[in-house]
Protein backbone atom coordinates (compact mmCIF):
# COMPACT_ATOMS: atom_id res chain seq x y z
CA UNK A 1 -35.70 18.88 6.94
CA UNK A 2 -35.26 22.61 6.19
CA UNK A 3 -35.38 23.46 10.10
CA UNK A 4 -32.64 20.94 10.38
CA UNK A 5 -30.29 22.32 7.34
CA UNK A 6 -30.83 26.06 8.90
CA UNK A 7 -29.86 25.11 12.30
CA UNK A 8 -26.66 23.73 11.18
CA UNK A 9 -25.74 26.56 8.97
CA UNK A 10 -27.15 29.39 10.65
CA UNK A 11 -23.72 29.97 12.63
CA UNK A 12 -21.77 30.63 9.52
CA UNK A 13 -24.76 32.70 7.76
CA UNK A 14 -24.96 35.09 10.80
CA UNK A 15 -20.64 35.12 10.79
CA UNK A 16 -20.84 35.99 6.98
CA UNK A 17 -23.74 38.58 7.97
CA UNK A 18 -21.08 40.37 10.19
CA UNK A 19 -18.24 40.51 7.21
CA UNK A 20 -20.32 41.41 4.63
CA UNK A 21 -23.34 43.05 5.79
CA UNK A 22 -25.78 41.30 3.25
CA UNK A 23 -27.64 38.56 4.41
CA UNK A 24 -28.61 37.31 1.31
CA UNK A 25 -25.16 36.82 -0.01
CA UNK A 26 -23.98 35.39 2.83
CA UNK A 27 -26.41 32.78 2.89
CA UNK A 28 -25.72 32.17 -1.17
CA UNK A 29 -21.48 31.87 -0.04
CA UNK A 30 -23.09 29.68 3.15
CA UNK A 31 -24.38 26.77 0.98
CA UNK A 32 -22.01 27.36 -1.99
CA UNK A 33 -18.93 26.44 0.80
CA UNK A 34 -20.94 23.68 1.92
CA UNK A 35 -21.63 22.49 -1.17
CA UNK A 36 -17.97 22.49 -2.04
CA UNK A 37 -16.69 21.44 1.27
CA UNK A 38 -19.18 18.29 0.26
CA UNK A 39 -17.86 17.96 -2.89
CA UNK A 40 -14.43 17.84 -1.90
CA UNK A 41 -14.54 15.27 0.62
CA UNK A 42 -16.41 13.36 -1.80
CA UNK A 43 -13.38 13.99 -4.42
CA UNK A 44 -10.81 12.89 -1.53
CA UNK A 45 -12.47 9.43 -0.96
CA UNK A 46 -12.91 8.75 -4.55
CA UNK A 47 -9.05 9.62 -4.93
CA UNK A 48 -8.00 7.58 -2.03
CA UNK A 49 -9.83 4.88 -3.63
CA UNK A 50 -8.86 4.82 -7.02
CA UNK A 51 -4.97 5.80 -6.18
CA UNK A 52 -5.32 9.07 -8.56
CA UNK A 53 -7.70 11.28 -9.95
CA UNK A 54 -11.14 9.74 -11.34
CA UNK A 55 -10.72 9.16 -14.76
CA UNK A 56 -13.29 7.96 -17.76
CA UNK A 57 -17.18 8.18 -17.48
CA UNK A 58 -19.12 8.61 -14.55
CA UNK A 59 -20.22 4.65 -14.75
CA UNK A 60 -16.94 3.60 -15.34
CA UNK A 61 -15.52 5.46 -12.29
CA UNK A 62 -18.84 3.64 -10.41
CA UNK A 63 -18.11 0.33 -11.52
CA UNK A 64 -14.42 0.67 -9.83
CA UNK A 65 -15.68 2.14 -6.24
CA UNK A 66 -18.01 -0.94 -6.42
CA UNK A 67 -14.96 -3.13 -7.09
CA UNK A 68 -13.52 -1.76 -4.43
CA UNK A 69 -15.81 -2.49 -2.07
CA UNK A 70 -16.44 -6.15 -3.55
CA UNK A 71 -12.71 -6.67 -3.02
CA UNK A 72 -13.15 -5.88 0.66
CA UNK A 73 -15.71 -7.87 1.15
CA UNK A 74 -14.32 -11.04 -0.34
CA UNK A 75 -11.20 -10.67 1.55
CA UNK A 76 -13.75 -10.15 4.51
CA UNK A 77 -15.28 -13.33 3.93
CA UNK A 78 -12.34 -14.83 3.48
CA UNK A 79 -10.53 -14.11 6.68
CA UNK A 80 -13.45 -15.84 8.47
CA UNK A 81 -13.83 -18.81 6.73
CA UNK A 82 -10.06 -19.59 8.10
CA UNK A 83 -11.69 -19.30 11.58
CA UNK A 84 -14.70 -21.22 10.81
CA UNK A 85 -15.43 -24.99 10.80
CA UNK A 86 -15.49 -27.09 7.66
CA UNK A 87 -18.88 -26.71 5.88
CA UNK A 88 -19.47 -23.70 7.81
CA UNK A 89 -21.05 -21.01 5.45
CA UNK A 90 -19.37 -17.71 6.10
CA UNK A 91 -22.05 -15.03 8.21
CA UNK A 92 -21.12 -12.46 5.51
CA UNK A 93 -22.07 -14.45 2.28
CA UNK A 94 -25.28 -16.14 4.34
CA UNK A 95 -26.47 -12.55 4.96
CA UNK A 96 -26.16 -11.42 1.54
CA UNK A 97 -27.23 -14.32 0.39
CA UNK A 98 -30.62 -14.08 2.66
CA UNK A 99 -30.46 -10.61 1.25
CA UNK A 100 -30.77 -11.35 -2.31
CA UNK A 101 -33.29 -14.03 -1.70
CA UNK A 102 -35.45 -11.57 -0.08
CA UNK A 103 -35.05 -9.01 -2.85
CA UNK A 104 -36.01 -11.74 -5.50
CA UNK A 105 -39.13 -12.73 -3.78
CA UNK A 106 -40.07 -8.82 -3.21
CA UNK A 107 -39.01 -7.94 -6.87
CA UNK A 108 -41.73 -7.07 -9.20
CA UNK A 109 -43.07 -4.20 -11.10
CA UNK A 110 -45.48 -3.04 -8.72
CA UNK A 111 -42.12 -3.02 -6.27
CA UNK A 112 -40.02 -1.21 -8.47
CA UNK A 113 -42.62 1.41 -8.85
CA UNK A 114 -43.01 1.83 -5.24
CA UNK A 115 -39.52 2.22 -4.69
CA UNK A 116 -38.58 4.68 -7.14
CA UNK A 117 -41.71 6.45 -6.25
CA UNK A 118 -40.38 6.59 -2.71
CA UNK A 119 -37.14 7.68 -3.88
CA UNK A 120 -38.42 10.43 -6.03
CA UNK A 121 -40.37 11.68 -2.83
CA UNK A 122 -37.29 11.85 -0.76
CA UNK A 123 -35.92 13.57 -3.17
CA UNK A 124 -38.54 16.13 -3.49
CA UNK A 125 -39.03 16.47 0.17
CA UNK A 126 -35.21 17.09 0.57
CA UNK A 127 -35.13 19.90 -1.94
CA UNK A 128 -38.19 21.33 -0.41
CA UNK A 129 -36.73 21.08 2.44
CA UNK A 130 -33.83 22.94 1.10
CA UNK A 131 -35.56 25.96 -0.23
CA UNK A 132 -37.66 25.98 3.40
CA UNK A 133 -34.24 26.01 5.40
CA UNK A 134 -33.10 29.54 2.92
CA UNK A 135 -36.23 31.48 4.16
CA UNK A 136 -35.47 30.27 7.46
CA UNK A 137 -32.24 31.19 7.51
CA UNK A 138 -33.23 34.50 5.66
CA UNK A 139 -36.19 35.66 7.32
CA UNK A 140 -35.23 34.32 10.96
CA UNK A 141 -35.71 37.78 13.06
CA UNK A 142 -39.43 37.23 11.54
CA UNK A 143 -40.06 33.58 12.59
CA UNK A 144 -38.62 34.17 15.93
CA UNK A 145 -40.94 37.13 16.84
CA UNK A 146 -43.57 34.82 15.65
CA UNK A 147 -42.28 31.97 18.25
CA UNK A 148 -42.26 34.86 20.75
CA UNK A 149 -46.09 36.28 20.21
CA UNK A 150 -46.86 32.55 20.75
CA UNK A 151 -45.28 31.94 23.70
CA UNK A 152 -46.19 34.82 25.33
CA UNK A 153 -50.32 33.74 24.21
CA UNK A 154 -49.79 30.38 25.65
CA UNK A 155 -47.67 31.13 28.74
CA UNK A 156 -47.46 32.96 31.63
CA UNK A 157 -44.47 35.99 31.78
CA UNK A 158 -42.59 33.34 34.05
CA UNK A 159 -42.92 30.22 32.42
CA UNK A 160 -42.10 32.34 28.91
CA UNK A 161 -39.11 33.27 30.51
CA UNK A 162 -37.88 29.97 32.23
CA UNK A 163 -38.79 28.10 28.77
CA UNK A 164 -36.72 30.44 26.63
CA UNK A 165 -34.15 30.27 29.06
CA UNK A 166 -33.97 26.34 29.43
CA UNK A 167 -34.04 26.34 25.40
CA UNK A 168 -31.05 28.54 25.13
CA UNK A 169 -29.17 26.48 27.42
CA UNK A 170 -29.84 23.22 25.80
CA UNK A 171 -29.34 24.40 22.03
CA UNK A 172 -25.74 26.02 23.23
CA UNK A 173 -25.24 22.46 24.60
CA UNK A 174 -26.86 20.70 21.18
CA UNK A 175 -25.63 22.78 18.76
CA UNK A 176 -21.71 22.96 19.54
CA UNK A 177 -21.66 18.93 20.04
CA UNK A 178 -23.30 18.09 17.00
CA UNK A 179 -22.12 20.54 14.53
CA UNK A 180 -18.65 20.19 15.66
CA UNK A 181 -18.77 16.08 15.96
CA UNK A 182 -19.85 16.34 12.67
CA UNK A 183 -17.23 18.01 11.20
CA UNK A 184 -14.47 16.46 13.86
CA UNK A 185 -15.73 12.95 12.45
CA UNK A 186 -15.65 14.22 8.52
CA UNK A 187 -12.02 15.29 9.22
CA UNK A 188 -10.77 12.01 11.30
CA UNK A 189 -12.13 9.65 8.20
CA UNK A 190 -10.11 11.80 5.92
CA UNK A 191 -6.91 11.80 7.89
CA UNK A 192 -7.42 8.53 8.80
CA UNK A 193 -7.66 7.04 5.56
CA UNK A 194 -4.64 9.51 4.10
CA UNK A 195 -2.65 7.36 7.10
CA UNK A 196 -3.75 4.55 6.10
CA UNK A 197 -3.10 4.85 2.76
CA UNK A 198 0.23 5.91 3.12
CA UNK A 199 1.04 2.99 5.04
CA UNK A 200 -0.28 0.80 2.07
CA UNK A 201 -2.94 -0.75 4.33
CA UNK A 202 -5.44 -2.82 2.29
CA UNK A 203 -9.16 -0.89 2.46
CA UNK A 204 -7.74 1.83 3.90
CA UNK A 205 -10.95 4.41 2.73
CA UNK A 206 -13.55 1.79 4.53
CA UNK A 207 -11.35 1.35 7.66
CA UNK A 208 -10.99 5.32 8.03
CA UNK A 209 -14.91 5.85 7.11
CA UNK A 210 -15.54 3.57 10.01
CA UNK A 211 -12.74 5.31 12.19
CA UNK A 212 -14.59 8.74 11.65
CA UNK A 213 -17.66 7.53 12.40
CA UNK A 214 -16.92 5.76 15.46
CA UNK A 215 -14.77 8.81 16.88
CA UNK A 216 -17.79 10.10 17.61
CA UNK A 217 -18.19 8.13 20.78
CA UNK A 218 -15.65 9.14 23.39
CA UNK A 219 -13.06 6.82 24.99
CA UNK A 220 -14.41 3.76 23.02
CA UNK A 221 -14.91 5.08 19.53
CA UNK A 222 -11.15 5.38 18.87
CA UNK A 223 -10.49 2.07 20.27
CA UNK A 224 -12.93 0.63 18.26
CA UNK A 225 -12.15 1.77 14.99
CA UNK A 226 -8.17 0.59 15.64
CA UNK A 227 -9.72 -3.11 15.77
CA UNK A 228 -10.37 -3.09 12.18
CA UNK A 229 -7.38 -1.48 11.18
CA UNK A 230 -4.78 -3.58 12.90
CA UNK A 231 -7.15 -7.48 11.78
CA UNK A 232 -6.40 -5.96 8.03
CA UNK A 233 -2.88 -5.12 8.12
CA UNK A 234 -1.72 -8.14 10.33
CA UNK A 235 -3.49 -10.52 7.88
CA UNK A 236 -1.90 -9.29 5.05
CA UNK A 237 1.51 -8.09 5.96
CA UNK A 238 1.77 -9.22 9.31
CA UNK A 239 1.63 -8.22 13.02
CA UNK A 240 4.18 -5.59 12.91
CA UNK A 241 2.39 -3.92 9.97
CA UNK A 242 -0.80 -4.26 12.06
CA UNK A 243 1.10 -2.29 14.97
CA UNK A 244 2.07 -0.07 12.14
CA UNK A 245 -1.04 0.88 11.57
CA UNK A 246 -2.50 1.47 14.94
CA UNK A 247 0.00 3.90 15.68
CA UNK A 248 -0.60 5.90 13.06
CA UNK A 249 -4.23 5.93 14.12
CA UNK A 250 -3.10 6.47 17.38
CA UNK A 251 -1.30 9.69 15.85
CA UNK A 252 -4.63 10.83 14.27
CA UNK A 253 -6.46 10.61 17.53
CA UNK A 254 -3.80 12.44 19.71
CA UNK A 255 -4.22 15.17 17.06
CA UNK A 256 -7.71 15.24 17.33
CA UNK A 257 -7.30 15.08 21.10
CA UNK A 258 -5.22 18.12 21.70
CA UNK A 259 -5.82 20.30 18.65
CA UNK A 260 -8.86 19.56 16.81
CA UNK A 261 -11.89 18.47 18.74
CA UNK A 262 -11.00 21.25 21.36
CA UNK A 263 -11.16 23.88 18.51
CA UNK A 264 -14.36 22.42 17.02
CA UNK A 265 -16.26 20.88 19.78
CA UNK A 266 -14.73 22.43 22.73
CA UNK A 267 -16.16 21.87 26.04
CA UNK A 268 -19.80 22.40 25.07
CA UNK A 269 -21.24 20.17 27.51
CA UNK A 270 -19.05 21.13 30.24
CA UNK A 271 -19.20 17.48 32.02
CA UNK A 272 -16.06 16.10 34.06
CA UNK A 273 -14.38 13.58 31.84
CA UNK A 274 -15.77 10.96 34.28
CA UNK A 275 -19.19 11.86 34.11
CA UNK A 276 -18.65 11.10 30.11
CA UNK A 277 -17.00 7.89 30.57
CA UNK A 278 -20.29 6.89 32.96
CA UNK A 279 -22.75 8.40 30.36
CA UNK A 280 -21.53 6.36 27.35
CA UNK A 281 -21.03 3.28 29.40
CA UNK A 282 -24.58 3.49 30.60
CA UNK A 283 -26.05 4.64 27.85
CA UNK A 284 -24.15 1.88 25.87
CA UNK A 285 -25.12 -0.61 27.88
CA UNK A 286 -29.08 0.24 27.72
CA UNK A 287 -29.21 1.14 24.19
CA UNK A 288 -26.25 -0.23 22.12
CA UNK A 289 -24.18 2.08 19.96
CA UNK A 290 -26.91 4.71 19.21
CA UNK A 291 -26.87 5.00 22.98
CA UNK A 292 -23.38 5.56 23.14
CA UNK A 293 -23.69 7.98 20.13
CA UNK A 294 -26.74 10.06 22.17
CA UNK A 295 -25.05 9.79 25.85
CA UNK A 296 -22.43 12.98 26.03
CA UNK A 297 -25.24 15.37 24.64
CA UNK A 298 -27.97 13.66 26.76
CA UNK A 299 -25.90 13.93 29.96
CA UNK A 300 -25.08 17.46 28.83
CA UNK A 301 -28.77 18.10 29.11
CA UNK A 302 -29.36 16.50 32.19
CA UNK A 303 -26.37 18.35 33.79
CA UNK A 304 -28.22 22.14 33.43
CA UNK A 305 -31.60 20.54 34.68
CA UNK A 306 -29.89 18.93 37.90
CA UNK A 307 -28.13 22.39 38.26
CA UNK A 308 -31.09 24.58 37.93
CA UNK A 309 -32.65 22.12 40.17
CA UNK A 310 -29.97 22.61 42.64
CA UNK A 311 -29.79 25.72 42.44
CA UNK A 312 -33.31 26.75 43.45
CA UNK A 313 -32.97 24.50 46.63
């Protein structure tokens, strides 16, 4: 956990260190800015769900948010029931009922204690990882020196140099893609939610979040994200409203493709668009949605080794 957090935040820390000349202050500001960014996104989605600034106690706000998602479930269940034969239960209702029965069978004092213990351990691990990430960022040069000494002991000089060269190129592809894709996904989720809310599409926040997650998948993701927007808008207000919803998301995708994505991700993998399309299709056919999400960075890494093999020949 500490390595993952440090890996994601170290570019911002390095940039602020160059500006402020004090690494400790740069680390503090980076964590504060990251916390403010995540908090701002959460508040923004809460405002979109509630339609205004949240008022009342935390329990009341939580109740309103749960009611929002419950109404979305009821609407989806009612919509699916219109297409199912009479007497056939809705798959959503059946799935939730099975989940409820499973929880009832497994519920006990022992299970509750185990769950709370696991939750406490997870929170403790995250906190320790957060502290570890601070040490990793603060003493980066020290840990890098240890890594270099370890490699020099275990490997020959030539193998040491080749390993560092390959790891550096892989890191360039992965770091740029992963961090850029996460930021791009959050931006698209928020923009899609805002656009669908402005178009008065029901459950705009849920669809916007789904659109942001699917946007990580090149080519196919934006199309998959438009389908629920069209379905919800068409069912509630007619096909024309559904077309407006699709057009709104299409505009967001064009802004992303031409301005946002090139800035935050850029050509990190160096793959031709045709190879991106082929890699997403291939990995998706074998590994499903997870394969589509990982297709581009894996294809970029494979491309590095293919080029090295070709040059060596």
